[in-house]
Amino acid sequence: MAKTETENLSSAEEESTQPEMDSKYRLIIVAAKRSKQLQRGARPRIDIDPQKHKSTRIALEEVQQGKVNFEITELE
């Protein structure tokens, strides 16, 4: 029996544990932290020449493509 479209969507949502990028401020914070990792020697997670592009540009692309994992923690 074939799954319906809504069943396929819900199973895809269960597999993805990464939260949605809910604001431009969170995007900038995540990209800045990833940029710092790249500056310290981490390899890019996307196919891009690090000699031609700055770490901030690479980090922003990685975040927009969903290649950077992050989680939102609640402050108590």
Protein backbone atom coordinates (compact mmCIF):
# COMPACT_ATOMS: atom_id res chain seq x y z
CA MET A 1 0.00 0.00 0.00
CA ALA A 2 1.41 3.41 -0.97
CA LYS A 3 1.86 6.19 1.55
CA THR A 4 -0.08 9.38 1.12
CA GLU A 5 1.69 12.70 0.66
CA THR A 6 1.00 13.78 4.26
CA GLU A 7 2.45 10.52 5.61
CA ASN A 8 5.60 11.09 3.55
CA LEU A 9 5.92 14.64 4.87
CA SER A 10 5.47 13.59 8.50
CA SER A 11 8.09 10.83 8.20
CA ALA A 12 10.53 13.34 6.66
CA GLU A 13 9.88 15.74 9.53
CA GLU A 14 10.61 13.00 12.07
CA GLU A 15 13.97 12.27 10.43
CA SER A 16 15.00 15.93 10.56
CA THR A 17 15.88 16.87 14.12
CA GLN A 18 17.37 20.24 13.24
CA PRO A 19 15.12 23.18 14.09
CA GLU A 20 13.95 25.61 11.45
CA MET A 21 15.86 28.85 10.94
CA ASP A 22 13.22 31.10 12.47
CA SER A 23 14.88 34.52 12.22
CA LYS A 24 17.60 36.40 10.43
CA TYR A 25 19.32 36.99 13.77
CA ARG A 26 19.66 33.26 14.44
CA LEU A 27 20.99 32.82 10.90
CA ILE A 28 23.70 35.40 11.55
CA ILE A 29 24.67 33.91 14.93
CA VAL A 30 24.93 30.36 13.55
CA ALA A 31 26.86 31.55 10.49
CA ALA A 32 29.25 33.60 12.66
CA LYS A 33 30.05 30.60 14.84
CA ARG A 34 30.60 28.43 11.77
CA SER A 35 32.79 31.14 10.22
CA LYS A 36 34.97 31.09 13.33
CA GLN A 37 35.34 27.30 12.95
CA LEU A 38 36.38 27.74 9.32
CA GLN A 39 38.93 30.40 10.28
CA ARG A 40 40.42 27.96 12.79
CA GLY A 41 40.94 25.31 10.11
CA ALA A 42 37.65 23.42 9.66
CA ARG A 43 36.93 22.19 6.15
CA PRO A 44 33.97 23.60 4.23
CA ARG A 45 30.90 21.32 4.05
CA ILE A 46 29.96 22.59 0.61
CA ASP A 47 31.79 22.42 -2.70
CA ILE A 48 33.42 25.84 -2.82
CA ASP A 49 36.98 27.06 -3.23
CA PRO A 50 38.14 28.45 0.15
CA GLN A 51 40.93 30.34 -1.63
CA LYS A 52 38.42 32.42 -3.59
CA HIS A 53 35.78 33.00 -0.90
CA LYS A 54 35.98 34.37 2.62
CA SER A 55 35.00 32.18 5.56
CA THR A 56 31.94 34.34 6.28
CA ARG A 57 30.54 33.72 2.79
CA ILE A 58 31.22 29.99 3.01
CA ALA A 59 29.58 29.78 6.44
CA LEU A 60 26.48 31.66 5.28
CA GLU A 61 26.10 29.34 2.28
CA GLU A 62 26.50 26.28 4.50
CA VAL A 63 23.81 27.46 6.89
CA GLN A 64 21.41 28.36 4.09
CA GLN A 65 21.87 24.92 2.52
CA GLY A 66 21.22 23.19 5.86
CA LYS A 67 24.74 21.77 6.18
CA VAL A 68 25.33 23.20 9.67
CA ASN A 69 23.69 21.46 12.61
CA PHE A 70 22.50 23.52 15.54
CA GLU A 71 20.02 23.28 18.35
CA ILE A 72 18.04 25.85 20.27
CA THR A 73 18.44 25.63 24.04
CA GLU A 74 16.15 27.21 26.59
CA LEU A 75 17.63 29.37 29.32
CA GLU A 76 16.32 28.58 32.77
